[in-house]
Amino acid sequence: MIKNLKDKYDEYENNMSRNQGELDYHFLLPLIKESLSSCHNQGYVLDIFPLSYEQIEFIFDKVIENPNFIILLSTNTSISTTIKKNCTSIHNIYEYQVKNMHVNHKTTSRYEV
């Protein structure tokens, strides 16, 4: 078993040395799948991964046919820009519009943009 682990480790190291420190997907996907299996009852967030249907199907052992919807996240706008726009629009609300919103002025602070 230890010999097998050493061989696997050497295989990973060789692959990473050939790819400027990155591991090929055919090595990486089984590792991710194994790591996610330990989080099954807790939940998890995958950021910028998986990148394709094939990766999703491999990791989650499901074949995806005709999805109901596809979510495309825009990378053109930064989150801080969106937050600033929202804060600015909230900042510019007229007093008469906010009058009946039941805001407690002691516990509510105003964010500066």
N, C-alpha and C. Protein backbone atom coordinates (compact mmCIF):
# COMPACT_ATOMS: atom_id res chain seq x y z
N MET A 1 0.82 -1.19 0.00
CA MET A 1 0.00 0.00 0.00
C MET A 1 0.87 1.26 0.00
N ILE A 2 1.92 1.28 0.84
CA ILE A 2 2.80 2.45 0.91
C ILE A 2 3.54 2.62 -0.41
N LYS A 3 3.95 1.52 -1.01
CA LYS A 3 4.62 1.58 -2.31
C LYS A 3 3.69 2.17 -3.36
N ASN A 4 2.43 1.77 -3.31
CA ASN A 4 1.43 2.27 -4.23
C ASN A 4 1.23 3.78 -4.05
N LEU A 5 1.19 4.24 -2.79
CA LEU A 5 1.04 5.67 -2.52
C LEU A 5 2.26 6.45 -3.00
N LYS A 6 3.45 5.89 -2.81
CA LYS A 6 4.67 6.54 -3.27
C LYS A 6 4.67 6.66 -4.79
N ASP A 7 4.26 5.62 -5.49
CA ASP A 7 4.17 5.66 -6.95
C ASP A 7 3.18 6.73 -7.40
N LYS A 8 2.04 6.80 -6.72
CA LYS A 8 1.02 7.79 -7.06
C LYS A 8 1.56 9.20 -6.84
N TYR A 9 2.24 9.39 -5.72
CA TYR A 9 2.83 10.70 -5.41
C TYR A 9 3.85 11.10 -6.47
N ASP A 10 4.70 10.17 -6.86
CA ASP A 10 5.70 10.45 -7.91
C ASP A 10 5.02 10.81 -9.23
N GLU A 11 3.93 10.12 -9.52
CA GLU A 11 3.17 10.39 -10.75
C GLU A 11 2.62 11.82 -10.73
N TYR A 12 2.06 12.22 -9.58
CA TYR A 12 1.53 13.59 -9.43
C TYR A 12 2.65 14.62 -9.56
N GLU A 13 3.77 14.36 -8.91
CA GLU A 13 4.90 15.29 -8.97
C GLU A 13 5.41 15.46 -10.38
N ASN A 14 5.55 14.37 -11.11
CA ASN A 14 6.02 14.43 -12.50
C ASN A 14 5.06 15.24 -13.36
N ASN A 15 3.77 15.00 -13.17
CA ASN A 15 2.77 15.72 -13.94
C ASN A 15 2.82 17.21 -13.64
N MET A 16 2.95 17.56 -12.38
CA MET A 16 3.01 18.97 -12.00
C MET A 16 4.27 19.64 -12.53
N SER A 17 5.38 18.94 -12.54
CA SER A 17 6.62 19.53 -13.05
C SER A 17 6.54 19.80 -14.55
N ARG A 18 5.79 18.98 -15.27
CA ARG A 18 5.60 19.19 -16.71
C ARG A 18 4.62 20.32 -17.01
N ASN A 19 3.73 20.65 -16.06
CA ASN A 19 2.67 21.63 -16.31
C ASN A 19 2.81 22.90 -15.47
N GLN A 20 4.02 23.32 -15.22
CA GLN A 20 4.30 24.53 -14.45
C GLN A 20 3.55 24.54 -13.10
N GLY A 21 3.57 23.43 -12.40
CA GLY A 21 2.98 23.37 -11.06
C GLY A 21 1.50 23.06 -11.01
N GLU A 22 0.86 22.84 -12.15
CA GLU A 22 -0.57 22.51 -12.18
C GLU A 22 -0.75 21.03 -12.49
N LEU A 23 -1.79 20.46 -11.90
CA LEU A 23 -2.08 19.04 -12.08
C LEU A 23 -3.11 18.87 -13.19
N ASP A 24 -2.90 17.92 -14.09
CA ASP A 24 -3.86 17.63 -15.16
C ASP A 24 -5.21 17.24 -14.58
N TYR A 25 -6.27 17.49 -15.34
CA TYR A 25 -7.62 17.19 -14.86
C TYR A 25 -7.84 15.71 -14.60
N HIS A 26 -7.23 14.84 -15.38
CA HIS A 26 -7.46 13.41 -15.14
C HIS A 26 -6.83 12.94 -13.82
N PHE A 27 -5.90 13.72 -13.26
CA PHE A 27 -5.39 13.46 -11.91
C PHE A 27 -6.20 14.23 -10.87
N LEU A 28 -6.58 15.44 -11.22
CA LEU A 28 -7.24 16.34 -10.27
C LEU A 28 -8.68 15.94 -9.95
N LEU A 29 -9.43 15.53 -10.96
CA LEU A 29 -10.85 15.22 -10.75
C LEU A 29 -11.09 14.12 -9.72
N PRO A 30 -10.35 13.01 -9.75
CA PRO A 30 -10.57 12.00 -8.69
C PRO A 30 -10.26 12.53 -7.29
N LEU A 31 -9.26 13.41 -7.18
CA LEU A 31 -8.94 13.99 -5.87
C LEU A 31 -10.07 14.88 -5.37
N ILE A 32 -10.62 15.69 -6.27
CA ILE A 32 -11.74 16.57 -5.90
C ILE A 32 -12.95 15.74 -5.53
N LYS A 33 -13.23 14.72 -6.31
CA LYS A 33 -14.37 13.85 -6.04
C LYS A 33 -14.25 13.20 -4.66
N GLU A 34 -13.07 12.73 -4.33
CA GLU A 34 -12.85 12.11 -3.02
C GLU A 34 -12.99 13.14 -1.89
N SER A 35 -12.47 14.34 -2.10
CA SER A 35 -12.57 15.39 -1.07
C SER A 35 -14.02 15.79 -0.84
N LEU A 36 -14.80 15.91 -1.92
CA LEU A 36 -16.20 16.31 -1.78
C LEU A 36 -17.05 15.23 -1.12
N SER A 37 -16.64 13.97 -1.26
CA SER A 37 -17.43 12.90 -0.65
C SER A 37 -17.43 13.01 0.87
N SER A 38 -16.39 13.59 1.45
CA SER A 38 -16.35 13.76 2.90
C SER A 38 -17.25 14.92 3.36
N CYS A 39 -17.67 15.79 2.44
CA CYS A 39 -18.52 16.94 2.77
C CYS A 39 -19.98 16.69 2.42
N HIS A 40 -20.33 15.48 2.11
CA HIS A 40 -21.65 15.18 1.56
C HIS A 40 -22.81 15.70 2.41
N ASN A 41 -22.74 15.58 3.71
CA ASN A 41 -23.84 16.02 4.58
C ASN A 41 -23.71 17.47 5.02
N GLN A 42 -22.60 18.12 4.70
CA GLN A 42 -22.38 19.49 5.16
C GLN A 42 -22.63 20.53 4.09
N GLY A 43 -22.39 20.21 2.87
CA GLY A 43 -22.50 21.17 1.78
C GLY A 43 -21.14 21.79 1.48
N TYR A 44 -21.02 22.40 0.32
CA TYR A 44 -19.76 22.98 -0.09
C TYR A 44 -20.03 23.96 -1.23
N VAL A 45 -19.05 24.81 -1.50
CA VAL A 45 -19.12 25.76 -2.60
C VAL A 45 -17.90 25.53 -3.48
N LEU A 46 -18.14 25.34 -4.76
CA LEU A 46 -17.05 25.20 -5.72
C LEU A 46 -16.93 26.51 -6.47
N ASP A 47 -15.80 27.16 -6.34
CA ASP A 47 -15.58 28.45 -6.97
C ASP A 47 -14.69 28.25 -8.20
N ILE A 48 -15.19 28.68 -9.33
CA ILE A 48 -14.49 28.58 -10.62
C ILE A 48 -14.20 27.12 -10.99
N PHE A 49 -15.09 26.24 -10.60
CA PHE A 49 -14.93 24.83 -10.93
C PHE A 49 -16.25 24.16 -10.69
N PRO A 50 -16.66 23.20 -11.40
CA PRO A 50 -16.14 22.59 -12.62
C PRO A 50 -16.35 23.51 -13.83
N LEU A 51 -15.57 23.24 -14.83
CA LEU A 51 -15.57 24.09 -16.01
C LEU A 51 -16.36 23.52 -17.19
N SER A 52 -16.72 22.26 -17.12
CA SER A 52 -17.43 21.64 -18.24
C SER A 52 -18.44 20.62 -17.73
N TYR A 53 -19.37 20.25 -18.62
CA TYR A 53 -20.35 19.21 -18.29
C TYR A 53 -19.66 17.89 -17.96
N GLU A 54 -18.60 17.58 -18.69
CA GLU A 54 -17.90 16.32 -18.46
C GLU A 54 -17.33 16.26 -17.05
N GLN A 55 -16.78 17.38 -16.57
CA GLN A 55 -16.25 17.42 -15.21
C GLN A 55 -17.36 17.27 -14.18
N ILE A 56 -18.49 17.92 -14.42
CA ILE A 56 -19.64 17.80 -13.51
C ILE A 56 -20.11 16.36 -13.46
N GLU A 57 -20.26 15.74 -14.62
CA GLU A 57 -20.73 14.36 -14.68
C GLU A 57 -19.77 13.41 -13.97
N PHE A 58 -18.47 13.63 -14.09
CA PHE A 58 -17.51 12.76 -13.43
C PHE A 58 -17.56 12.94 -11.92
N ILE A 59 -17.54 14.18 -11.46
CA ILE A 59 -17.50 14.44 -10.01
C ILE A 59 -18.76 13.97 -9.31
N PHE A 60 -19.92 14.23 -9.90
CA PHE A 60 -21.18 13.94 -9.22
C PHE A 60 -21.85 12.65 -9.69
N ASP A 61 -21.19 11.90 -10.56
CA ASP A 61 -21.73 10.63 -11.06
C ASP A 61 -23.13 10.77 -11.64
N LYS A 62 -23.36 11.84 -12.37
CA LYS A 62 -24.66 12.07 -12.99
C LYS A 62 -24.46 12.49 -14.43
N VAL A 63 -25.32 11.99 -15.28
CA VAL A 63 -25.32 12.40 -16.67
C VAL A 63 -26.31 13.55 -16.81
N ILE A 64 -25.86 14.65 -17.40
CA ILE A 64 -26.71 15.82 -17.55
C ILE A 64 -27.26 15.84 -18.97
N GLU A 65 -28.56 15.71 -19.08
CA GLU A 65 -29.21 15.76 -20.39
C GLU A 65 -30.26 16.86 -20.36
N ASN A 66 -30.21 17.74 -21.31
CA ASN A 66 -31.18 18.83 -21.45
C ASN A 66 -31.45 19.54 -20.13
N PRO A 67 -30.50 20.34 -19.65
CA PRO A 67 -30.73 21.03 -18.38
C PRO A 67 -31.90 22.01 -18.48
N ASN A 68 -32.60 22.22 -17.37
CA ASN A 68 -33.73 23.15 -17.35
C ASN A 68 -33.27 24.59 -17.54
N PHE A 69 -32.14 24.92 -16.96
CA PHE A 69 -31.60 26.26 -17.12
C PHE A 69 -30.09 26.22 -16.96
N ILE A 70 -29.44 27.23 -17.48
CA ILE A 70 -27.99 27.36 -17.36
C ILE A 70 -27.72 28.75 -16.81
N ILE A 71 -26.90 28.82 -15.79
CA ILE A 71 -26.55 30.10 -15.19
C ILE A 71 -25.18 30.50 -15.71
N LEU A 72 -25.11 31.65 -16.35
CA LEU A 72 -23.84 32.18 -16.82
C LEU A 72 -23.48 33.38 -15.96
N LEU A 73 -22.36 33.29 -15.28
CA LEU A 73 -21.93 34.38 -14.42
C LEU A 73 -21.07 35.33 -15.22
N SER A 74 -21.35 36.60 -15.11
CA SER A 74 -20.59 37.60 -15.82
C SER A 74 -19.31 37.91 -15.06
N THR A 75 -18.21 37.95 -15.76
CA THR A 75 -16.95 38.31 -15.12
C THR A 75 -16.53 39.72 -15.51
N ASN A 76 -17.39 40.44 -16.20
CA ASN A 76 -17.03 41.78 -16.66
C ASN A 76 -17.17 42.84 -15.58
N THR A 77 -18.12 42.67 -14.68
CA THR A 77 -18.30 43.66 -13.63
C THR A 77 -17.76 43.12 -12.33
N SER A 78 -17.07 43.97 -11.63
CA SER A 78 -16.53 43.52 -10.35
C SER A 78 -17.58 43.69 -9.26
N ILE A 79 -17.47 42.92 -8.22
CA ILE A 79 -18.43 42.97 -7.13
C ILE A 79 -18.38 44.33 -6.44
N SER A 80 -17.19 44.87 -6.26
CA SER A 80 -17.08 46.16 -5.56
C SER A 80 -17.79 47.26 -6.34
N THR A 81 -17.75 47.21 -7.67
CA THR A 81 -18.46 48.19 -8.48
C THR A 81 -19.96 48.07 -8.27
N THR A 82 -20.47 46.86 -8.23
CA THR A 82 -21.89 46.64 -8.00
C THR A 82 -22.31 47.13 -6.62
N ILE A 83 -21.50 46.84 -5.61
CA ILE A 83 -21.81 47.30 -4.26
C ILE A 83 -21.82 48.82 -4.20
N LYS A 84 -20.85 49.46 -4.83
CA LYS A 84 -20.80 50.92 -4.84
C LYS A 84 -22.03 51.51 -5.52
N LYS A 85 -22.45 50.91 -6.65
CA LYS A 85 -23.64 51.40 -7.34
C LYS A 85 -24.87 51.27 -6.46
N ASN A 86 -25.00 50.12 -5.77
CA ASN A 86 -26.16 49.91 -4.90
C ASN A 86 -26.15 50.88 -3.73
N CYS A 87 -24.98 51.08 -3.12
CA CYS A 87 -24.89 52.01 -1.99
C CYS A 87 -25.22 53.43 -2.45
N THR A 88 -24.73 53.81 -3.62
CA THR A 88 -25.01 55.15 -4.13
C THR A 88 -26.50 55.32 -4.39
N SER A 89 -27.14 54.32 -4.98
CA SER A 89 -28.58 54.46 -5.25
C SER A 89 -29.38 54.48 -3.95
N ILE A 90 -28.95 53.73 -2.95
CA ILE A 90 -29.64 53.77 -1.65
C ILE A 90 -29.40 55.12 -0.98
N HIS A 91 -28.20 55.64 -1.12
CA HIS A 91 -27.85 56.93 -0.55
C HIS A 91 -28.73 58.04 -1.11
N ASN A 92 -29.10 57.91 -2.37
CA ASN A 92 -29.83 58.96 -3.05
C ASN A 92 -31.35 58.82 -2.98
N ILE A 93 -31.85 57.91 -2.17
CA ILE A 93 -33.30 57.78 -2.02
C ILE A 93 -33.82 59.00 -1.27
N TYR A 94 -34.91 59.53 -1.74
CA TYR A 94 -35.51 60.69 -1.08
C TYR A 94 -36.10 60.30 0.26
N GLU A 95 -36.13 61.25 1.16
CA GLU A 95 -36.62 60.99 2.52
C GLU A 95 -38.07 60.52 2.52
N TYR A 96 -38.90 61.10 1.66
CA TYR A 96 -40.31 60.71 1.65
C TYR A 96 -40.49 59.26 1.20
N GLN A 97 -39.53 58.72 0.41
CA GLN A 97 -39.61 57.33 -0.02
C GLN A 97 -39.26 56.37 1.12
N VAL A 98 -38.43 56.81 2.04
CA VAL A 98 -37.96 55.97 3.13
C VAL A 98 -38.83 56.13 4.37
N LYS A 99 -39.65 57.14 4.40
CA LYS A 99 -40.40 57.54 5.59
C LYS A 99 -41.14 56.39 6.26
N ASN A 100 -41.80 55.53 5.53
CA ASN A 100 -42.61 54.46 6.10
C ASN A 100 -41.93 53.09 6.08
N MET A 101 -40.62 53.06 6.07
CA MET A 101 -39.89 51.80 6.01
C MET A 101 -39.53 51.23 7.38
N HIS A 102 -39.96 51.85 8.45
CA HIS A 102 -39.72 51.38 9.82
C HIS A 102 -38.24 51.17 10.10
N VAL A 103 -37.44 52.18 9.83
CA VAL A 103 -36.01 52.11 10.08
C VAL A 103 -35.73 52.66 11.47
N ASN A 104 -34.94 51.93 12.24
CA ASN A 104 -34.53 52.37 13.56
C ASN A 104 -33.20 53.11 13.41
N HIS A 105 -33.19 54.41 13.62
CA HIS A 105 -32.00 55.21 13.36
C HIS A 105 -30.87 54.91 14.34
N LYS A 106 -31.17 54.35 15.50
CA LYS A 106 -30.13 54.04 16.48
C LYS A 106 -29.30 52.83 16.06
N THR A 107 -29.93 51.88 15.40
CA THR A 107 -29.22 50.65 15.02
C THR A 107 -28.81 50.61 13.56
N THR A 108 -29.23 51.58 12.78
CA THR A 108 -28.92 51.59 11.36
C THR A 108 -27.80 52.58 11.09
N SER A 109 -26.78 52.12 10.39
CA SER A 109 -25.68 53.02 10.04
C SER A 109 -25.70 53.25 8.54
N ARG A 110 -25.14 54.35 8.13
CA ARG A 110 -25.10 54.71 6.72
C ARG A 110 -23.72 54.37 6.18
N TYR A 111 -23.67 53.60 5.12
CA TYR A 111 -22.39 53.23 4.52
C TYR A 111 -21.92 54.34 3.60
N GLU A 112 -20.65 54.66 3.70
CA GLU A 112 -20.08 55.68 2.83
C GLU A 112 -19.51 55.01 1.59
N VAL A 113 -19.68 55.68 0.47
CA VAL A 113 -19.20 55.14 -0.79
C VAL A 113 -17.87 55.78 -1.13
